[in-house]
Amino acid sequence: MGSPAFQPNLPYRQNPQVALRPEPFGALAYHFGTRRLSFLKSRRLVEVVEQLADHGSVDEALGACQVADRQRPSYLRALASLAQAEMIVRRQPLSERDEESP
């Protein structure tokens, strides 16, 4: 079926089935469901992935992690690749999650 197209204006989070292992270059991401391995090639990209769930969109997470405008295209390509590999997944907006809380 495939995952929906990556949209940086929407909220994402690290897939719960994914573990990140820190490395000097960034991190290794291992998906326990698909058994795929991905390389996150910078520490800042790892920081973005780890903070996705705390922000209303990918764009907001990039801003919070101080990714420079000139670097955003490469980060968006990396994140789109991670979304396609199901390392990151879409989630409900923070406001909707808050409304569903008992």
Protein backbone atom coordinates (compact mmCIF):
# COMPACT_ATOMS: atom_id res chain seq x y z
CA MET A 1 0.00 0.00 0.00
CA GLY A 2 2.86 2.40 0.80
CA SER A 3 3.04 5.34 3.13
CA PRO A 4 1.47 8.71 2.27
CA ALA A 5 3.70 11.34 0.70
CA PHE A 6 5.93 13.23 3.12
CA GLN A 7 4.54 16.68 3.97
CA PRO A 8 6.75 18.91 6.14
CA ASN A 9 3.80 21.08 7.16
CA LEU A 10 2.29 18.10 9.03
CA PRO A 11 3.29 16.56 12.38
CA TYR A 12 5.51 13.47 12.48
CA ARG A 13 7.27 11.42 15.13
CA GLN A 14 9.88 8.70 15.32
CA ASN A 15 8.20 5.37 14.65
CA PRO A 16 7.80 3.49 17.97
CA GLN A 17 9.29 0.43 16.26
CA VAL A 18 12.52 2.32 15.55
CA ALA A 19 15.56 2.48 17.81
CA LEU A 20 18.33 5.04 17.34
CA ARG A 21 21.89 4.13 18.23
CA PRO A 22 24.16 7.17 18.57
CA GLU A 23 27.32 7.12 16.45
CA PRO A 24 30.08 9.71 15.93
CA PHE A 25 28.57 10.63 12.52
CA GLY A 26 24.96 10.81 13.78
CA ALA A 27 23.06 7.59 14.43
CA LEU A 28 21.94 4.24 13.11
CA ALA A 29 18.18 3.78 12.95
CA TYR A 30 16.90 0.22 13.12
CA HIS A 31 13.25 -0.64 12.38
CA PHE A 32 12.31 -3.76 14.33
CA GLY A 33 9.22 -4.39 12.17
CA THR A 34 10.83 -4.23 8.74
CA ARG A 35 14.38 -4.98 9.93
CA ARG A 36 15.65 -2.07 7.85
CA LEU A 37 18.67 -0.05 8.84
CA SER A 38 19.10 3.64 8.00
CA PHE A 39 21.96 6.03 8.63
CA LEU A 40 21.30 9.48 10.06
CA LYS A 41 24.37 11.29 8.84
CA SER A 42 24.48 14.21 11.26
CA ARG A 43 23.87 14.79 14.93
CA ARG A 44 21.52 17.65 14.11
CA LEU A 45 19.37 15.30 12.00
CA VAL A 46 19.19 12.96 14.98
CA GLU A 47 18.10 15.90 17.13
CA VAL A 48 15.36 16.79 14.61
CA VAL A 49 14.06 13.20 14.52
CA GLU A 50 14.06 12.99 18.32
CA GLN A 51 12.17 16.30 18.62
CA LEU A 52 9.55 15.76 15.90
CA ALA A 53 6.90 14.64 18.40
CA ASP A 54 7.30 17.88 20.38
CA HIS A 55 6.36 20.16 17.47
CA GLY A 56 3.30 20.81 15.35
CA SER A 57 5.10 20.13 12.07
CA VAL A 58 8.41 19.08 10.58
CA ASP A 59 9.00 22.73 9.65
CA GLU A 60 8.59 23.76 13.31
CA ALA A 61 10.99 21.04 14.45
CA LEU A 62 13.60 22.22 11.93
CA GLY A 63 13.25 25.75 13.27
CA ALA A 64 13.49 24.61 16.89
CA CYS A 65 16.67 22.69 16.07
CA GLN A 66 18.09 25.80 14.37
CA VAL A 67 18.50 24.24 10.94
CA ALA A 68 19.58 27.08 8.64
CA ASP A 69 17.31 27.94 5.71
CA ARG A 70 20.03 27.00 3.22
CA GLN A 71 20.31 23.53 4.83
CA ARG A 72 16.58 22.81 4.95
CA PRO A 73 16.30 21.21 1.49
CA SER A 74 18.86 18.53 2.40
CA TYR A 75 17.17 17.92 5.76
CA LEU A 76 13.76 17.66 4.07
CA ARG A 77 15.16 15.11 1.59
CA ALA A 78 16.63 13.07 4.46
CA LEU A 79 13.36 13.22 6.42
CA ALA A 80 11.32 12.29 3.34
CA SER A 81 13.58 9.26 2.91
CA LEU A 82 13.09 8.35 6.58
CA ALA A 83 9.31 8.69 6.14
CA GLN A 84 9.37 6.45 3.07
CA ALA A 85 11.33 3.85 5.07
CA GLU A 86 8.76 4.24 7.90
CA MET A 87 11.46 5.38 10.34
CA ILE A 88 9.28 8.43 11.02
CA VAL A 89 5.50 8.43 10.76
CA ARG A 90 2.72 10.99 10.71
CA ARG A 91 0.91 11.63 13.95
CA GLN A 92 -2.09 13.57 15.13
CA PRO A 93 -1.58 17.27 15.77
CA LEU A 94 -0.82 18.15 19.39
CA SER A 95 -4.15 19.99 19.80
CA GLU A 96 -6.16 16.93 18.66
CA ARG A 97 -4.23 14.63 21.01
CA ASP A 98 -4.95 16.99 23.90
CA GLU A 99 -8.67 16.96 23.10
CA GLU A 100 -8.77 13.15 23.20
CA SER A 101 -7.11 12.94 26.62
CA PRO A 102 -9.50 11.97 29.45
